Amino acid sequence: MIAITLFRQKKALKLQREVTDTTNELLKKNAELLKESTTGIAKDSERGIVDIETLKKAIDDLVSTIEDTLKIQTEGRPSSNRQSRNSLKSRTN
């Protein structure tokens, strides 16, 4: 009878250790996940809606587009003026 009681106590102690170990592991993992998600949220909330690099690229592309358009217009003006003069000469003749 004492042996059975000791066996049950030993089994209960082992079960209690397993519960304690599992509880400790869960607490550690939950704390780690909480830390990761909280710091991730904090970093994302400090980040602007649009990244600076994105704005720089957009501005560079817009400036390049304007420069290319002006260049095309400047290069095309003499040709356009010639065509207008030729057209006027044709009409007057």
N, C-alpha and C. Protein backbone atom coordinates (compact mmCIF):
# COMPACT_ATOMS: atom_id res chain seq x y z
N MET A 1 0.80 -1.17 0.00
CA MET A 1 0.00 0.00 0.00
C MET A 1 0.85 1.25 0.00
N ILE A 2 1.91 1.28 0.76
CA ILE A 2 2.81 2.42 0.78
C ILE A 2 3.49 2.56 -0.57
N ALA A 3 3.83 1.46 -1.18
CA ALA A 3 4.47 1.48 -2.49
C ALA A 3 3.55 2.09 -3.53
N ILE A 4 2.27 1.75 -3.47
CA ILE A 4 1.29 2.30 -4.43
C ILE A 4 1.15 3.81 -4.21
N THR A 5 1.10 4.22 -2.96
CA THR A 5 0.97 5.65 -2.64
C THR A 5 2.21 6.41 -3.11
N LEU A 6 3.39 5.85 -2.86
CA LEU A 6 4.63 6.48 -3.30
C LEU A 6 4.68 6.56 -4.84
N PHE A 7 4.24 5.50 -5.51
CA PHE A 7 4.19 5.49 -6.97
C PHE A 7 3.27 6.59 -7.49
N ARG A 8 2.10 6.74 -6.86
CA ARG A 8 1.14 7.77 -7.28
C ARG A 8 1.69 9.18 -7.01
N GLN A 9 2.38 9.33 -5.89
CA GLN A 9 2.97 10.63 -5.58
C GLN A 9 4.06 10.98 -6.59
N LYS A 10 4.86 9.97 -6.92
CA LYS A 10 5.93 10.18 -7.90
C LYS A 10 5.34 10.56 -9.26
N LYS A 11 4.27 9.88 -9.63
CA LYS A 11 3.59 10.16 -10.90
C LYS A 11 2.98 11.57 -10.88
N ALA A 12 2.38 11.94 -9.76
CA ALA A 12 1.78 13.27 -9.61
C ALA A 12 2.86 14.36 -9.65
N LEU A 13 3.99 14.10 -9.03
CA LEU A 13 5.10 15.05 -9.04
C LEU A 13 5.63 15.24 -10.46
N LYS A 14 5.75 14.13 -11.19
CA LYS A 14 6.23 14.20 -12.57
C LYS A 14 5.24 15.02 -13.42
N LEU A 15 3.98 14.76 -13.23
CA LEU A 15 2.95 15.50 -13.96
C LEU A 15 2.99 16.98 -13.60
N GLN A 16 3.17 17.29 -12.33
CA GLN A 16 3.26 18.69 -11.88
C GLN A 16 4.46 19.38 -12.52
N ARG A 17 5.61 18.70 -12.60
CA ARG A 17 6.80 19.27 -13.25
C ARG A 17 6.54 19.54 -14.72
N GLU A 18 5.88 18.59 -15.38
CA GLU A 18 5.58 18.77 -16.81
C GLU A 18 4.65 19.96 -17.03
N VAL A 19 3.66 20.10 -16.16
CA VAL A 19 2.73 21.25 -16.26
C VAL A 19 3.51 22.54 -16.04
N THR A 20 4.36 22.56 -15.02
CA THR A 20 5.16 23.75 -14.72
C THR A 20 6.09 24.09 -15.89
N ASP A 21 6.77 23.07 -16.43
CA ASP A 21 7.68 23.29 -17.57
C ASP A 21 6.92 23.82 -18.79
N THR A 22 5.77 23.22 -19.04
CA THR A 22 4.95 23.66 -20.19
C THR A 22 4.47 25.09 -19.98
N THR A 23 4.04 25.40 -18.79
CA THR A 23 3.57 26.75 -18.47
C THR A 23 4.71 27.77 -18.67
N ASN A 24 5.89 27.41 -18.17
CA ASN A 24 7.05 28.30 -18.33
C ASN A 24 7.39 28.51 -19.81
N GLU A 25 7.36 27.46 -20.60
CA GLU A 25 7.64 27.58 -22.03
C GLU A 25 6.61 28.45 -22.73
N LEU A 26 5.34 28.24 -22.39
CA LEU A 26 4.28 29.07 -22.98
C LEU A 26 4.45 30.54 -22.63
N LEU A 27 4.79 30.82 -21.38
CA LEU A 27 5.01 32.21 -20.96
C LEU A 27 6.18 32.84 -21.71
N LYS A 28 7.27 32.08 -21.86
CA LYS A 28 8.43 32.58 -22.59
C LYS A 28 8.08 32.87 -24.05
N LYS A 29 7.39 31.93 -24.70
CA LYS A 29 7.03 32.09 -26.11
C LYS A 29 6.05 33.25 -26.30
N ASN A 30 5.07 33.36 -25.41
CA ASN A 30 4.12 34.46 -25.50
C ASN A 30 4.82 35.81 -25.33
N ALA A 31 5.74 35.89 -24.38
CA ALA A 31 6.47 37.14 -24.16
C ALA A 31 7.31 37.48 -25.39
N GLU A 32 7.94 36.48 -25.97
CA GLU A 32 8.75 36.70 -27.17
C GLU A 32 7.89 37.18 -28.34
N LEU A 33 6.75 36.52 -28.55
CA LEU A 33 5.84 36.93 -29.63
C LEU A 33 5.29 38.33 -29.40
N LEU A 34 4.96 38.63 -28.17
CA LEU A 34 4.46 39.97 -27.83
C LEU A 34 5.52 41.03 -28.13
N LYS A 35 6.75 40.73 -27.75
CA LYS A 35 7.86 41.67 -28.01
C LYS A 35 8.03 41.89 -29.51
N GLU A 36 8.06 40.80 -30.28
CA GLU A 36 8.25 40.91 -31.73
C GLU A 36 7.12 41.70 -32.39
N SER A 37 5.90 41.38 -32.03
CA SER A 37 4.77 42.06 -32.67
C SER A 37 4.69 43.52 -32.23
N THR A 38 4.97 43.79 -30.98
CA THR A 38 4.91 45.18 -30.49
C THR A 38 5.99 46.03 -31.14
N THR A 39 7.21 45.53 -31.21
CA THR A 39 8.27 46.31 -31.85
C THR A 39 8.02 46.44 -33.34
N GLY A 40 7.48 45.41 -33.96
CA GLY A 40 7.15 45.49 -35.38
C GLY A 40 6.09 46.54 -35.66
N ILE A 41 5.07 46.57 -34.82
CA ILE A 41 4.01 47.57 -34.97
C ILE A 41 4.57 48.97 -34.74
N ALA A 42 5.41 49.12 -33.74
CA ALA A 42 6.01 50.43 -33.45
C ALA A 42 6.85 50.91 -34.62
N LYS A 43 7.64 50.03 -35.21
CA LYS A 43 8.47 50.41 -36.37
C LYS A 43 7.59 50.81 -37.55
N ASP A 44 6.57 50.03 -37.82
CA ASP A 44 5.69 50.32 -38.95
C ASP A 44 4.90 51.61 -38.74
N SER A 45 4.53 51.89 -37.50
CA SER A 45 3.76 53.11 -37.26
C SER A 45 4.63 54.35 -37.37
N GLU A 46 5.92 54.21 -37.13
CA GLU A 46 6.84 55.33 -37.28
C GLU A 46 7.23 55.56 -38.74
N ARG A 47 7.02 54.58 -39.54
CA ARG A 47 7.34 54.67 -40.96
C ARG A 47 6.29 55.55 -41.63
N GLY A 48 6.72 56.37 -42.54
CA GLY A 48 5.78 57.23 -43.24
C GLY A 48 4.89 56.43 -44.17
N ILE A 49 3.86 57.11 -44.67
CA ILE A 49 2.95 56.45 -45.59
C ILE A 49 3.68 56.10 -46.89
N VAL A 50 4.57 57.01 -47.31
CA VAL A 50 5.35 56.78 -48.52
C VAL A 50 6.82 56.87 -48.14
N ASP A 51 7.61 55.91 -48.60
CA ASP A 51 9.03 55.90 -48.32
C ASP A 51 9.73 57.05 -49.05
N ILE A 52 10.78 57.57 -48.45
CA ILE A 52 11.56 58.65 -49.05
C ILE A 52 12.12 58.20 -50.40
N GLU A 53 12.57 56.96 -50.48
CA GLU A 53 13.13 56.45 -51.73
C GLU A 53 12.09 56.47 -52.84
N THR A 54 10.85 56.16 -52.49
CA THR A 54 9.76 56.17 -53.47
C THR A 54 9.52 57.59 -53.97
N LEU A 55 9.51 58.55 -53.05
CA LEU A 55 9.33 59.95 -53.44
C LEU A 55 10.48 60.43 -54.33
N LYS A 56 11.70 60.08 -53.97
CA LYS A 56 12.85 60.48 -54.78
C LYS A 56 12.74 59.92 -56.19
N LYS A 57 12.37 58.65 -56.30
CA LYS A 57 12.24 58.02 -57.62
C LYS A 57 11.15 58.69 -58.43
N ALA A 58 10.02 58.97 -57.80
CA ALA A 58 8.91 59.61 -58.50
C ALA A 58 9.31 61.00 -58.99
N ILE A 59 9.97 61.77 -58.14
CA ILE A 59 10.40 63.11 -58.54
C ILE A 59 11.43 63.04 -59.66
N ASP A 60 12.39 62.12 -59.54
CA ASP A 60 13.40 61.96 -60.59
C ASP A 60 12.74 61.61 -61.93
N ASP A 61 11.77 60.70 -61.89
CA ASP A 61 11.07 60.32 -63.13
C ASP A 61 10.30 61.49 -63.72
N LEU A 62 9.64 62.27 -62.85
CA LEU A 62 8.88 63.43 -63.34
C LEU A 62 9.82 64.48 -63.95
N VAL A 63 10.92 64.76 -63.29
CA VAL A 63 11.89 65.73 -63.81
C VAL A 63 12.44 65.25 -65.14
N SER A 64 12.78 63.98 -65.22
CA SER A 64 13.29 63.40 -66.47
C SER A 64 12.26 63.51 -67.59
N THR A 65 11.01 63.26 -67.26
CA THR A 65 9.94 63.36 -68.26
C THR A 65 9.81 64.79 -68.77
N ILE A 66 9.84 65.75 -67.88
CA ILE A 66 9.74 67.16 -68.28
C ILE A 66 10.94 67.54 -69.14
N GLU A 67 12.14 67.13 -68.72
CA GLU A 67 13.34 67.45 -69.50
C GLU A 67 13.28 66.83 -70.89
N ASP A 68 12.85 65.58 -70.96
CA ASP A 68 12.74 64.91 -72.28
C ASP A 68 11.71 65.61 -73.16
N THR A 69 10.60 66.01 -72.58
CA THR A 69 9.55 66.70 -73.34
C THR A 69 10.06 68.03 -73.86
N LEU A 70 10.74 68.79 -73.01
CA LEU A 70 11.30 70.07 -73.45
C LEU A 70 12.34 69.88 -74.56
N LYS A 71 13.14 68.86 -74.43
CA LYS A 71 14.16 68.57 -75.46
C LYS A 71 13.49 68.22 -76.79
N ILE A 72 12.47 67.40 -76.73
CA ILE A 72 11.76 67.02 -77.96
C ILE A 72 11.12 68.26 -78.59
N GLN A 73 10.52 69.10 -77.77
CA GLN A 73 9.88 70.31 -78.29
C GLN A 73 10.92 71.25 -78.90
N THR A 74 12.05 71.40 -78.23
CA THR A 74 13.11 72.28 -78.72
C THR A 74 13.67 71.76 -80.04
N GLU A 75 13.89 70.47 -80.12
CA GLU A 75 14.42 69.88 -81.35
C GLU A 75 13.39 69.92 -82.47
N GLY A 76 12.14 69.84 -82.13
CA GLY A 76 11.09 69.80 -83.14
C GLY A 76 10.68 71.17 -83.64
N ARG A 77 10.99 72.24 -82.93
CA ARG A 77 10.58 73.59 -83.31
C ARG A 77 11.12 74.03 -84.68
N PRO A 78 12.42 73.88 -84.92
CA PRO A 78 12.91 74.31 -86.24
C PRO A 78 12.22 73.58 -87.39
N SER A 79 12.02 72.29 -87.20
CA SER A 79 11.35 71.50 -88.23
C SER A 79 9.91 71.97 -88.39
N SER A 80 9.26 72.22 -87.29
CA SER A 80 7.87 72.67 -87.32
C SER A 80 7.77 74.05 -87.96
N ASN A 81 8.72 74.94 -87.65
CA ASN A 81 8.73 76.28 -88.25
C ASN A 81 8.95 76.19 -89.76
N ARG A 82 9.86 75.32 -90.19
CA ARG A 82 10.11 75.13 -91.63
C ARG A 82 8.86 74.66 -92.34
N GLN A 83 8.18 73.69 -91.72
CA GLN A 83 6.97 73.16 -92.33
C GLN A 83 5.90 74.24 -92.43
N SER A 84 5.79 75.07 -91.42
CA SER A 84 4.81 76.16 -91.45
C SER A 84 5.14 77.15 -92.56
N ARG A 85 6.40 77.50 -92.70
CA ARG A 85 6.81 78.43 -93.75
C ARG A 85 6.56 77.83 -95.12
N ASN A 86 6.90 76.57 -95.28
CA ASN A 86 6.68 75.91 -96.57
C ASN A 86 5.18 75.85 -96.90
N SER A 87 4.39 75.61 -95.89
CA SER A 87 2.95 75.53 -96.07
C SER A 87 2.40 76.91 -96.49
N LEU A 88 2.90 77.96 -95.85
CA LEU A 88 2.48 79.31 -96.20
C LEU A 88 2.92 79.67 -97.61
N LYS A 89 4.14 79.28 -97.98
CA LYS A 89 4.64 79.57 -99.32
C LYS A 89 3.77 78.85 -100.35
N SER A 90 3.41 77.62 -100.06
CA SER A 90 2.58 76.85 -101.00
C SER A 90 1.23 77.51 -101.20
N ARG A 91 0.68 78.05 -100.17
CA ARG A 91 -0.64 78.68 -100.26
C ARG A 91 -0.58 80.01 -101.01
N THR A 92 0.51 80.73 -100.84
CA THR A 92 0.62 82.01 -101.51
C THR A 92 0.99 81.86 -102.98
N ASN A 93 1.54 80.76 -103.38
CA ASN A 93 1.94 80.53 -104.78
C ASN A 93 0.82 79.94 -105.54
